[in-house]
Structures are given as C-alpha cells and as structure tokens.
C-alpha cells in the first residue's frame, strides 16, 4: 500500500468518526437508531457540530454537556445537551449502543437532586 493510499484511508476513517472531547473515545458518526450521531455512547458528552441535526455546519466545535433526559410522546429518550462555550441547547436522539448507566443517572437526577426539600412534602 502506498503512502498516499494509507493517508487517504486514515482521512476517510476520520470523516466517519470523531474523537470524544470528554473521554477520548473514537465515536462512529452513525449508530443504531440514528444516522448522524454527535454524542459519545460511553460518556454521553457531545460536540457542538450541528446547527440543525446532521448538517455539521456549527462553527463552535466545543464540548456539550449532557444535562437531562427528555421523553418524546412515543417513549423515545432524547438527550439534552448544553454547549460549554456558547451555551446553546440541543436535543439529540439516544442511540441503541448508548451506555445505560449514564443514561439512567441523567434520568433519575431530578429525583436525587430535587429543587426543594423533600421533607416538606410530608407537611402537605
């Protein structure tokens, strides 16, 4: 294999994946359940790549923290991310190979960290 052929193969592989800015995992751009992934299946952090899903037009490129889980009417889970640089919020579909532990942690966070003292519920 020539030097140019191996360089082209590496460039094509990079175009089909990205490196997670949080945990360093090489993440494929496609995944079970979605055709334009932009979050890591391991730690769920994202990268601000899109203005609209799949367009790869965002200039920012910063890390996006997973904040919460939202559930669509059909029961599908959606990750809510906030960009640590510009503050934009995005909703991203979960994928079939996403790590269940951090997904569950996000889903139960409102119960574990309530915005009000739970002991006051007994007085109602």
C-alpha atoms as a PDB file:
ATOM      1  CA  UNK A   1       0.000   0.000   0.000  1.00  0.00           C
ATOM      2  CA  UNK A   2       1.388   3.373  -0.977  1.00  0.00           C
ATOM      3  CA  UNK A   3       1.864   6.254   1.408  1.00  0.00           C
ATOM      4  CA  UNK A   4      -0.938   8.271  -0.269  1.00  0.00           C
ATOM      5  CA  UNK A   5      -3.354   5.325  -0.104  1.00  0.00           C
ATOM      6  CA  UNK A   6      -2.835   4.833   3.641  1.00  0.00           C
ATOM      7  CA  UNK A   7      -3.161   8.599   4.261  1.00  0.00           C
ATOM      8  CA  UNK A   8      -6.435   8.634   2.272  1.00  0.00           C
ATOM      9  CA  UNK A   9      -7.746   5.641   4.266  1.00  0.00           C
ATOM     10  CA  UNK A  10      -6.974   7.419   7.566  1.00  0.00           C
ATOM     11  CA  UNK A  11      -8.687  10.611   6.339  1.00  0.00           C
ATOM     12  CA  UNK A  12     -11.788   8.668   5.269  1.00  0.00           C
ATOM     13  CA  UNK A  13     -11.913   6.858   8.639  1.00  0.00           C
ATOM     14  CA  UNK A  14     -11.731  10.218  10.470  1.00  0.00           C
ATOM     15  CA  UNK A  15     -14.575  11.553   8.315  1.00  0.00           C
ATOM     16  CA  UNK A  16     -16.716   8.638   9.530  1.00  0.00           C
ATOM     17  CA  UNK A  17     -15.908   9.165  13.212  1.00  0.00           C
ATOM     18  CA  UNK A  18     -14.901  11.795  15.735  1.00  0.00           C
ATOM     19  CA  UNK A  19     -12.920  11.713  18.959  1.00  0.00           C
ATOM     20  CA  UNK A  20     -14.906  12.441  22.113  1.00  0.00           C
ATOM     21  CA  UNK A  21     -13.539  15.623  23.679  1.00  0.00           C
ATOM     22  CA  UNK A  22     -14.546  14.368  27.140  1.00  0.00           C
ATOM     23  CA  UNK A  23     -13.358  10.736  27.365  1.00  0.00           C
ATOM     24  CA  UNK A  24     -11.247  10.343  24.192  1.00  0.00           C
ATOM     25  CA  UNK A  25     -13.255   7.511  22.597  1.00  0.00           C
ATOM     26  CA  UNK A  26     -13.283   7.331  18.782  1.00  0.00           C
ATOM     27  CA  UNK A  27     -17.011   7.569  18.033  1.00  0.00           C
ATOM     28  CA  UNK A  28     -18.570   6.444  14.729  1.00  0.00           C
ATOM     29  CA  UNK A  29     -20.800   9.073  13.078  1.00  0.00           C
ATOM     30  CA  UNK A  30     -23.631   6.572  12.644  1.00  0.00           C
ATOM     31  CA  UNK A  31     -25.207   4.371  15.291  1.00  0.00           C
ATOM     32  CA  UNK A  32     -28.182   2.093  15.853  1.00  0.00           C
ATOM     33  CA  UNK A  33     -31.261   4.319  15.721  1.00  0.00           C
ATOM     34  CA  UNK A  34     -29.643   7.411  14.198  1.00  0.00           C
ATOM     35  CA  UNK A  35     -27.786   8.360  11.027  1.00  0.00           C
ATOM     36  CA  UNK A  36     -25.944  11.456  12.313  1.00  0.00           C
ATOM     37  CA  UNK A  37     -24.631  10.904  15.812  1.00  0.00           C
ATOM     38  CA  UNK A  38     -22.810  13.676  17.601  1.00  0.00           C
ATOM     39  CA  UNK A  39     -22.592  12.314  21.147  1.00  0.00           C
ATOM     40  CA  UNK A  40     -20.348   9.719  22.728  1.00  0.00           C
ATOM     41  CA  UNK A  41     -22.044   6.392  23.549  1.00  0.00           C
ATOM     42  CA  UNK A  42     -19.696   5.965  26.528  1.00  0.00           C
ATOM     43  CA  UNK A  43     -19.966   9.245  28.482  1.00  0.00           C
ATOM     44  CA  UNK A  44     -22.865  10.891  26.542  1.00  0.00           C
ATOM     45  CA  UNK A  45     -20.965  14.163  26.071  1.00  0.00           C
ATOM     46  CA  UNK A  46     -21.477  15.739  22.678  1.00  0.00           C
ATOM     47  CA  UNK A  47     -19.644  18.114  20.419  1.00  0.00           C
ATOM     48  CA  UNK A  48     -21.204  21.257  19.010  1.00  0.00           C
ATOM     49  CA  UNK A  49     -21.051  20.185  15.361  1.00  0.00           C
ATOM     50  CA  UNK A  50     -24.537  20.939  14.039  1.00  0.00           C
ATOM     51  CA  UNK A  51     -26.815  23.937  13.693  1.00  0.00           C
ATOM     52  CA  UNK A  52     -29.608  21.570  12.631  1.00  0.00           C
ATOM     53  CA  UNK A  53     -29.330  17.774  13.049  1.00  0.00           C
ATOM     54  CA  UNK A  54     -26.787  16.289  10.659  1.00  0.00           C
ATOM     55  CA  UNK A  55     -25.691  19.476   8.863  1.00  0.00           C
ATOM     56  CA  UNK A  56     -22.231  19.694  10.525  1.00  0.00           C
ATOM     57  CA  UNK A  57     -22.428  23.478   9.989  1.00  0.00           C
ATOM     58  CA  UNK A  58     -21.713  24.786  13.508  1.00  0.00           C
ATOM     59  CA  UNK A  59     -18.553  26.865  13.818  1.00  0.00           C
ATOM     60  CA  UNK A  60     -18.225  26.347  17.589  1.00  0.00           C
ATOM     61  CA  UNK A  61     -16.968  22.743  17.904  1.00  0.00           C
ATOM     62  CA  UNK A  62     -16.849  22.909  21.719  1.00  0.00           C
ATOM     63  CA  UNK A  63     -17.910  20.198  24.184  1.00  0.00           C
ATOM     64  CA  UNK A  64     -21.588  19.830  25.033  1.00  0.00           C
ATOM     65  CA  UNK A  65     -22.516  18.576  28.493  1.00  0.00           C
ATOM     66  CA  UNK A  66     -25.388  16.109  28.855  1.00  0.00           C
ATOM     67  CA  UNK A  67     -27.889  17.870  31.144  1.00  0.00           C
ATOM     68  CA  UNK A  68     -31.037  15.790  31.152  1.00  0.00           C
ATOM     69  CA  UNK A  69     -33.225  13.190  29.511  1.00  0.00           C
ATOM     70  CA  UNK A  70     -36.471  14.125  27.833  1.00  0.00           C
ATOM     71  CA  UNK A  71     -39.030  11.580  26.666  1.00  0.00           C
ATOM     72  CA  UNK A  72     -40.965  12.042  23.430  1.00  0.00           C
ATOM     73  CA  UNK A  73     -44.637  11.084  23.128  1.00  0.00           C
ATOM     74  CA  UNK A  74     -43.738   7.731  21.595  1.00  0.00           C
ATOM     75  CA  UNK A  75     -41.462   6.891  24.554  1.00  0.00           C
ATOM     76  CA  UNK A  76     -38.169   7.608  22.780  1.00  0.00           C
ATOM     77  CA  UNK A  77     -35.473   9.087  25.044  1.00  0.00           C
ATOM     78  CA  UNK A  78     -33.749  12.293  23.963  1.00  0.00           C
ATOM     79  CA  UNK A  79     -30.557  13.734  25.453  1.00  0.00           C
ATOM     80  CA  UNK A  80     -30.500  17.448  26.232  1.00  0.00           C
ATOM     81  CA  UNK A  81     -27.022  18.975  25.827  1.00  0.00           C
ATOM     82  CA  UNK A  82     -25.660  22.462  26.558  1.00  0.00           C
ATOM     83  CA  UNK A  83     -22.529  23.801  24.861  1.00  0.00           C
ATOM     84  CA  UNK A  84     -19.907  24.744  27.467  1.00  0.00           C
ATOM     85  CA  UNK A  85     -18.617  27.525  25.191  1.00  0.00           C
ATOM     86  CA  UNK A  86     -21.635  29.290  23.692  1.00  0.00           C
ATOM     87  CA  UNK A  87     -24.455  27.905  25.862  1.00  0.00           C
ATOM     88  CA  UNK A  88     -26.663  26.660  23.018  1.00  0.00           C
ATOM     89  CA  UNK A  89     -29.062  23.833  23.907  1.00  0.00           C
ATOM     90  CA  UNK A  90     -29.622  20.847  21.611  1.00  0.00           C
ATOM     91  CA  UNK A  91     -31.810  17.775  21.866  1.00  0.00           C
ATOM     92  CA  UNK A  92     -30.246  14.602  20.459  1.00  0.00           C
ATOM     93  CA  UNK A  93     -31.851  11.213  19.993  1.00  0.00           C
ATOM     94  CA  UNK A  94     -30.327   8.439  22.047  1.00  0.00           C
ATOM     95  CA  UNK A  95     -28.789   5.538  20.153  1.00  0.00           C
ATOM     96  CA  UNK A  96     -29.079   1.805  20.668  1.00  0.00           C
ATOM     97  CA  UNK A  97     -25.477   1.480  21.833  1.00  0.00           C
ATOM     98  CA  UNK A  98     -25.525   4.324  24.385  1.00  0.00           C
ATOM     99  CA  UNK A  99     -24.236   3.338  27.833  1.00  0.00           C
ATOM    100  CA  UNK A 100     -27.270   2.593  30.023  1.00  0.00           C
ATOM    101  CA  UNK A 101     -25.602   3.682  33.292  1.00  0.00           C
ATOM    102  CA  UNK A 102     -25.065   7.375  32.452  1.00  0.00           C
ATOM    103  CA  UNK A 103     -28.472   7.458  30.727  1.00  0.00           C
ATOM    104  CA  UNK A 104     -30.103   6.197  33.916  1.00  0.00           C
ATOM    105  CA  UNK A 105     -28.113   8.627  36.053  1.00  0.00           C
ATOM    106  CA  UNK A 106     -29.403  11.528  33.954  1.00  0.00           C
ATOM    107  CA  UNK A 107     -32.961  10.223  34.113  1.00  0.00           C
ATOM    108  CA  UNK A 108     -33.001   9.974  37.931  1.00  0.00           C
ATOM    109  CA  UNK A 109     -31.025  13.174  38.620  1.00  0.00           C
ATOM    110  CA  UNK A 110     -34.194  15.246  39.274  1.00  0.00           C
ATOM    111  CA  UNK A 111     -35.230  12.721  41.947  1.00  0.00           C
ATOM    112  CA  UNK A 112     -31.792  12.628  43.552  1.00  0.00           C
ATOM    113  CA  UNK A 113     -31.229  16.389  43.442  1.00  0.00           C
ATOM    114  CA  UNK A 114     -34.633  17.926  43.988  1.00  0.00           C
ATOM    115  CA  UNK A 115     -35.023  21.712  43.718  1.00  0.00           C
ATOM    116  CA  UNK A 116     -36.964  21.727  47.011  1.00  0.00           C
ATOM    117  CA  UNK A 117     -36.635  19.922  50.359  1.00  0.00           C
ATOM    118  CA  UNK A 118     -38.428  16.568  50.182  1.00  0.00           C
ATOM    119  CA  UNK A 119     -39.268  16.661  53.913  1.00  0.00           C
ATOM    120  CA  UNK A 120     -41.747  19.470  53.194  1.00  0.00           C
ATOM    121  CA  UNK A 121     -43.905  17.025  51.205  1.00  0.00           C
ATOM    122  CA  UNK A 122     -44.958  15.339  54.474  1.00  0.00           C
ATOM    123  CA  UNK A 123     -46.469  18.594  55.723  1.00  0.00           C
ATOM    124  CA  UNK A 124     -48.812  18.927  52.756  1.00  0.00           C
END
